[in-house]
Amino acid sequence: MNYGEMMVGALKLMVFGLGMVYIFLIIMIGAMKVLEVALRPFATLLDPPAAAPVKKAAAGSSEDAKLAAVAAAVVAKMLKK
């Protein structure tokens, strides 16, 4: 078996493998669509999602300011070198 035959065999194997993955993904997407339609009547049985907790803006902004000051100091020190 020479180099050319090996390359053709590798190309065939690659195309076959990629084709199988593509077919699997198409089947999986189709199955997900079918499940979506089948389970739609049961969506009302679920509890509504809880509201996200509110974070204080003042605590985060002071930390951001500290980080920005540290970053500015590092850049200034690097530019002096």
Protein backbone atom coordinates (compact mmCIF):
# COMPACT_ATOMS: atom_id res chain seq x y z
CA MET A 1 0.00 0.00 0.00
CA ASN A 2 1.57 3.25 -1.10
CA TYR A 3 1.17 6.78 0.23
CA GLY A 4 -1.56 7.77 -2.25
CA GLU A 5 -3.75 4.79 -1.42
CA MET A 6 -3.37 5.49 2.28
CA MET A 7 -4.40 9.13 1.77
CA VAL A 8 -7.48 8.09 -0.23
CA GLY A 9 -8.41 5.57 2.47
CA ALA A 10 -7.96 8.20 5.18
CA LEU A 11 -10.09 10.66 3.22
CA LYS A 12 -12.86 8.07 2.79
CA LEU A 13 -12.76 7.28 6.51
CA MET A 14 -12.89 10.98 7.40
CA VAL A 15 -15.88 11.62 5.12
CA PHE A 16 -17.67 8.55 6.50
CA GLY A 17 -17.04 9.62 10.09
CA LEU A 18 -18.14 13.20 9.52
CA GLY A 19 -21.22 11.95 7.68
CA MET A 20 -22.17 9.72 10.60
CA VAL A 21 -21.80 12.62 13.04
CA TYR A 22 -23.91 14.86 10.80
CA ILE A 23 -26.64 12.21 10.52
CA PHE A 24 -26.60 11.66 14.29
CA LEU A 25 -26.98 15.38 14.92
CA ILE A 26 -29.91 15.60 12.52
CA ILE A 27 -31.62 12.66 14.26
CA MET A 28 -30.95 14.17 17.69
CA ILE A 29 -32.41 17.56 16.69
CA GLY A 30 -35.48 15.80 15.27
CA ALA A 31 -35.93 13.83 18.48
CA MET A 32 -35.67 17.01 20.53
CA LYS A 33 -38.33 18.69 18.38
CA VAL A 34 -40.64 15.68 18.81
CA LEU A 35 -40.12 15.74 22.60
CA GLU A 36 -40.81 19.46 22.67
CA VAL A 37 -44.16 18.96 20.97
CA ALA A 38 -45.00 15.89 23.07
CA LEU A 39 -44.21 17.57 26.40
CA ARG A 40 -45.74 20.98 25.66
CA PRO A 41 -49.06 20.13 27.44
CA PHE A 42 -47.16 19.39 30.65
CA ALA A 43 -45.32 22.73 30.71
CA THR A 44 -48.07 24.31 32.82
CA LEU A 45 -47.40 21.80 35.62
CA LEU A 46 -43.98 23.28 36.35
CA ASP A 47 -43.49 26.00 38.94
CA PRO A 48 -42.58 29.43 37.56
CA PRO A 49 -38.86 30.21 37.89
CA ALA A 50 -37.84 32.08 41.02
CA ALA A 51 -36.74 35.69 40.67
CA ALA A 52 -32.99 36.22 40.71
CA PRO A 53 -31.63 37.81 43.88
CA VAL A 54 -30.73 41.48 43.59
CA LYS A 55 -27.06 42.32 44.15
CA LYS A 56 -25.93 45.56 45.72
CA ALA A 57 -24.23 47.77 43.14
CA ALA A 58 -22.11 49.67 45.68
CA ALA A 59 -20.15 46.61 46.84
CA GLY A 60 -19.27 45.53 43.31
CA SER A 61 -18.32 49.00 42.12
CA SER A 62 -15.80 49.54 44.93
CA GLU A 63 -14.13 46.23 44.11
CA ASP A 64 -14.09 47.13 40.43
CA ALA A 65 -12.46 50.45 41.27
CA LYS A 66 -9.79 48.68 43.32
CA LEU A 67 -9.10 46.23 40.50
CA ALA A 68 -8.88 49.06 38.00
CA ALA A 69 -6.40 50.91 40.22
CA VAL A 70 -4.24 47.79 40.57
CA ALA A 71 -4.34 47.20 36.82
CA ALA A 72 -3.39 50.82 36.13
CA ALA A 73 -0.46 50.56 38.57
CA VAL A 74 0.81 47.39 36.88
CA VAL A 75 0.58 48.96 33.43
CA ALA A 76 2.37 52.10 34.64
CA LYS A 77 5.15 50.01 36.18
CA MET A 78 5.53 47.92 33.01
CA LEU A 79 5.75 51.06 30.84
CA LYS A 80 8.57 52.48 33.00
CA LYS A 81 10.81 49.46 32.27
